[in-house]
Amino acid sequence: MYTSVEIPVTKIMLLDDHVLVAEGFKQLLLKIVPQGSVIDIFSSIDRAKESLQTGEYRVVITDLIMPGQSVMNFIPFCRKSYADIIILVVSSVMDTTSIRSCLAAGANGYVSKAVDAREIKLALEYTYNGRKFVSSDLSGKLADSILSLESTTLTSKELEIIRLIAAGHKTKNVAEMLFVSPITIMTHKRNIMRKLNLHSATELVKYVFENNLV
């Protein structure tokens, strides 16, 4: 037995390139959204953009991975063009970087595909009422990630230095570019490695690129 979502009758855009998955999700949604709601499936971001112009959608539910197309560009497009639209990412991608990136880009919520109908119901209710939502199987990981990030926050100078190092500049060159001594750069580098618990220049470069600091 499914409990109805406590939101008004609405029109939903469902974006997923796997048709069978999308059809199954649509049938689940029809069991919990108010009677009279409309759910349209799209397998292409381009077609979705066209329909947004005339479709009067209130909710966009999208997968994160769309072959050949960027959902990370689609999210800010929706937010900029349709300020009041609700954007909910439902994906099997569960890393905290992706979650934070989607929320920062303008998504109202992020839900893993491993959840049940109750979590989808909560996601729709929370986001419809102006609140951010992350499904329960991800929220703990996200909180741990944020706490970890806060404990290793780098200063603006340290960020500048590791970007230059990641770009291939040697200590002497970095010092010349920043008008300081090589010893100062080496001291900063040691502090950075300690903060991030890194042990080699290779690990430092990997950290920069994995965390999109370039």
Protein backbone atom coordinates (compact mmCIF):
# COMPACT_ATOMS: atom_id res chain seq x y z
CA MET A 1 0.00 0.00 0.00
CA TYR A 2 1.43 3.35 -1.07
CA THR A 3 0.87 6.61 0.81
CA SER A 4 0.08 9.64 -1.35
CA VAL A 5 2.51 12.54 -1.47
CA GLU A 6 1.15 15.62 0.27
CA ILE A 7 1.62 18.03 -2.64
CA PRO A 8 -0.86 19.51 -5.15
CA VAL A 9 -1.62 17.91 -8.51
CA THR A 10 1.53 18.50 -10.51
CA LYS A 11 3.33 17.92 -13.80
CA ILE A 12 6.60 16.00 -13.65
CA MET A 13 9.40 15.63 -16.18
CA LEU A 14 11.24 12.31 -15.79
CA LEU A 15 14.62 12.22 -17.51
CA ASP A 16 16.41 8.87 -17.93
CA ASP A 17 18.02 7.24 -20.96
CA HIS A 18 16.98 3.73 -19.82
CA VAL A 19 13.39 3.49 -21.05
CA LEU A 20 12.39 0.42 -19.03
CA VAL A 21 13.82 1.92 -15.84
CA ALA A 22 12.00 5.18 -16.52
CA GLU A 23 8.70 3.39 -17.21
CA GLY A 24 9.01 1.46 -13.94
CA PHE A 25 9.77 4.64 -12.01
CA LYS A 26 6.82 6.38 -13.67
CA GLN A 27 4.46 3.63 -12.52
CA LEU A 28 5.76 3.98 -8.95
CA LEU A 29 5.31 7.75 -9.05
CA LEU A 30 1.74 7.41 -10.35
CA LYS A 31 0.94 5.38 -7.24
CA ILE A 32 2.06 8.12 -4.85
CA VAL A 33 1.42 11.47 -6.57
CA PRO A 34 -2.05 13.06 -6.44
CA GLN A 35 -4.55 11.78 -8.98
CA GLY A 36 -4.54 13.91 -12.10
CA SER A 37 -0.77 14.50 -12.02
CA VAL A 38 1.09 14.11 -15.32
CA ILE A 39 4.46 12.39 -15.75
CA ASP A 40 6.32 12.70 -19.06
CA ILE A 41 9.43 10.63 -19.82
CA PHE A 42 12.40 12.00 -21.78
CA SER A 43 15.58 10.19 -22.81
CA SER A 44 17.31 13.26 -24.24
CA ILE A 45 18.36 16.49 -22.54
CA ASP A 46 17.82 18.41 -25.77
CA ARG A 47 14.21 17.25 -26.04
CA ALA A 48 13.70 17.95 -22.36
CA LYS A 49 14.90 21.54 -22.83
CA GLU A 50 12.47 22.03 -25.72
CA SER A 51 9.52 20.72 -23.71
CA LEU A 52 10.37 22.86 -20.70
CA GLN A 53 9.61 25.94 -22.80
CA THR A 54 5.93 25.01 -23.18
CA GLY A 55 5.28 22.14 -20.80
CA GLU A 56 4.70 24.08 -17.56
CA TYR A 57 6.51 21.43 -15.50
CA ARG A 58 6.71 21.88 -11.75
CA VAL A 59 9.18 19.04 -11.05
CA VAL A 60 12.18 17.69 -12.97
CA ILE A 61 13.47 14.28 -11.88
CA THR A 62 16.69 13.37 -13.65
CA ASP A 63 19.34 10.68 -13.64
CA LEU A 64 22.89 12.00 -13.25
CA ILE A 65 24.41 10.05 -16.14
CA MET A 66 23.11 10.73 -19.64
CA PRO A 67 25.37 9.42 -22.45
CA GLY A 68 26.88 12.22 -24.48
CA GLN A 69 25.09 14.92 -22.50
CA SER A 70 25.87 16.80 -19.31
CA VAL A 71 23.30 16.77 -16.54
CA MET A 72 25.67 19.04 -14.58
CA ASN A 73 25.03 21.67 -17.25
CA PHE A 74 21.33 20.89 -17.46
CA ILE A 75 20.74 21.53 -13.74
CA PRO A 76 21.96 25.17 -13.73
CA PHE A 77 20.16 25.72 -17.04
CA CYS A 78 16.88 24.71 -15.39
CA ARG A 79 17.60 26.75 -12.28
CA LYS A 80 18.44 29.88 -14.30
CA SER A 81 15.59 29.58 -16.82
CA TYR A 82 12.88 28.30 -14.46
CA ALA A 83 13.71 29.64 -11.02
CA ASP A 84 10.82 27.96 -9.18
CA ILE A 85 11.12 24.51 -10.72
CA ILE A 86 11.99 21.61 -8.42
CA ILE A 87 15.04 19.61 -9.54
CA LEU A 88 15.52 16.17 -8.04
CA VAL A 89 18.45 13.94 -9.01
CA VAL A 90 17.78 10.20 -8.69
CA SER A 91 20.91 8.23 -9.44
CA SER A 92 23.00 5.16 -8.69
CA VAL A 93 26.04 7.47 -8.39
CA MET A 94 26.63 7.74 -4.66
CA ASP A 95 29.94 9.60 -4.17
CA THR A 96 29.77 12.72 -2.04
CA THR A 97 31.53 14.91 -4.62
CA SER A 98 28.71 14.30 -7.12
CA ILE A 99 26.05 14.98 -4.48
CA ARG A 100 27.64 18.27 -3.41
CA SER A 101 28.17 19.31 -7.03
CA CYS A 102 24.52 18.72 -7.93
CA LEU A 103 23.23 20.64 -4.91
CA ALA A 104 25.68 23.48 -5.59
CA ALA A 105 24.54 23.60 -9.22
CA GLY A 106 20.95 24.15 -8.14
CA ALA A 107 19.37 20.75 -7.51
CA ASN A 108 16.83 20.67 -4.67
CA GLY A 109 17.52 17.08 -3.74
CA TYR A 110 19.60 13.98 -4.40
CA VAL A 111 18.24 10.45 -4.00
CA SER A 112 19.95 7.12 -4.63
CA LYS A 113 18.21 4.53 -6.79
CA ALA A 114 18.46 2.07 -3.90
CA VAL A 115 15.68 3.76 -1.89
CA ASP A 116 12.02 2.76 -1.59
CA ALA A 117 8.83 4.67 -2.38
CA ARG A 118 8.75 6.23 1.09
CA GLU A 119 12.01 8.10 0.41
CA ILE A 120 10.73 9.32 -2.96
CA LYS A 121 7.60 10.58 -1.19
CA LEU A 122 9.71 12.44 1.38
CA ALA A 123 11.94 13.87 -1.35
CA LEU A 124 8.96 15.32 -3.21
CA GLU A 125 7.37 16.72 -0.05
CA TYR A 126 10.59 18.26 1.30
CA THR A 127 11.60 19.87 -1.99
CA TYR A 128 8.06 21.05 -2.79
CA ASN A 129 8.11 22.88 0.53
CA GLY A 130 11.40 24.60 -0.20
CA ARG A 131 13.74 22.31 1.70
CA LYS A 132 16.81 20.45 0.46
CA PHE A 133 16.66 16.66 0.58
CA VAL A 134 19.29 13.92 0.49
CA SER A 135 18.12 10.32 0.88
CA SER A 136 18.87 8.62 4.19
CA ASP A 137 21.37 6.16 2.71
CA LEU A 138 23.49 9.11 1.50
CA SER A 139 22.99 11.78 4.15
CA GLY A 140 25.39 10.16 6.63
CA LYS A 141 28.16 9.93 4.03
CA LEU A 142 27.56 13.53 3.04
CA ALA A 143 27.73 14.75 6.64
CA ASP A 144 30.98 12.85 7.23
CA SER A 145 32.40 14.32 4.03
CA ILE A 146 31.50 17.88 5.05
CA LEU A 147 33.04 17.43 8.51
CA SER A 148 36.17 15.98 6.96
CA LEU A 149 36.35 18.84 4.46
CA GLU A 150 36.01 21.42 7.22
CA SER A 151 38.86 19.86 9.19
CA THR A 152 41.19 20.04 6.17
CA THR A 153 40.23 23.45 4.80
CA LEU A 154 43.12 25.09 3.01
CA THR A 155 43.85 28.81 3.03
CA SER A 156 43.62 30.78 -0.21
CA LYS A 157 47.43 30.92 -0.35
CA GLU A 158 47.71 27.14 0.11
CA LEU A 159 45.14 26.56 -2.64
CA GLU A 160 47.12 28.85 -4.95
CA ILE A 161 50.31 26.92 -4.23
CA ILE A 162 48.88 23.43 -4.80
CA ARG A 163 47.28 24.55 -8.06
CA LEU A 164 50.66 25.76 -9.29
CA ILE A 165 52.34 22.54 -8.15
CA ALA A 166 49.65 20.46 -9.87
CA ALA A 167 50.23 22.48 -13.04
CA GLY A 168 53.82 21.18 -13.07
CA HIS A 169 55.74 24.12 -11.61
CA LYS A 170 58.78 23.37 -9.46
CA THR A 171 59.25 24.84 -5.98
CA LYS A 172 61.70 27.51 -7.23
CA ASN A 173 59.29 28.59 -10.01
CA VAL A 174 56.34 28.77 -7.63
CA ALA A 175 58.40 30.91 -5.25
CA GLU A 176 59.33 33.29 -8.06
CA MET A 177 55.73 33.54 -9.26
CA LEU A 178 54.48 34.36 -5.74
CA PHE A 179 57.47 36.61 -4.85
CA VAL A 180 58.49 34.54 -1.82
CA SER A 181 61.44 32.32 -0.98
CA PRO A 182 61.60 28.62 -1.89
CA ILE A 183 61.79 27.85 1.83
CA THR A 184 58.40 29.54 2.32
CA ILE A 185 56.89 27.42 -0.44
CA MET A 186 58.39 24.24 1.07
CA THR A 187 56.90 25.15 4.46
CA HIS A 188 53.48 25.72 2.92
CA LYS A 189 53.77 22.43 1.06
CA ARG A 190 54.58 20.53 4.28
CA ASN A 191 51.57 22.10 6.01
CA ILE A 192 49.31 21.22 3.08
CA MET A 193 50.50 17.59 3.06
CA ARG A 194 49.91 17.35 6.81
CA LYS A 195 46.39 18.85 6.59
CA LEU A 196 45.35 16.54 3.76
CA ASN A 197 47.21 13.48 5.09
CA LEU A 198 49.14 13.12 1.84
CA HIS A 199 52.59 11.62 1.53
CA SER A 200 53.92 12.43 -1.93
CA ALA A 201 53.77 14.99 -4.72
CA THR A 202 51.88 12.42 -6.82
CA GLU A 203 49.17 12.13 -4.16
CA LEU A 204 48.99 15.93 -3.97
CA VAL A 205 48.46 16.29 -7.72
CA LYS A 206 45.85 13.51 -7.66
CA TYR A 207 44.02 15.29 -4.82
CA VAL A 208 43.88 18.56 -6.79
CA PHE A 209 42.33 16.95 -9.86
CA GLU A 210 39.96 14.63 -7.98
CA ASN A 211 38.57 17.59 -6.04
CA ASN A 212 38.30 19.88 -9.09
CA LEU A 213 40.68 22.48 -7.64
CA VAL A 214 42.31 23.32 -10.97
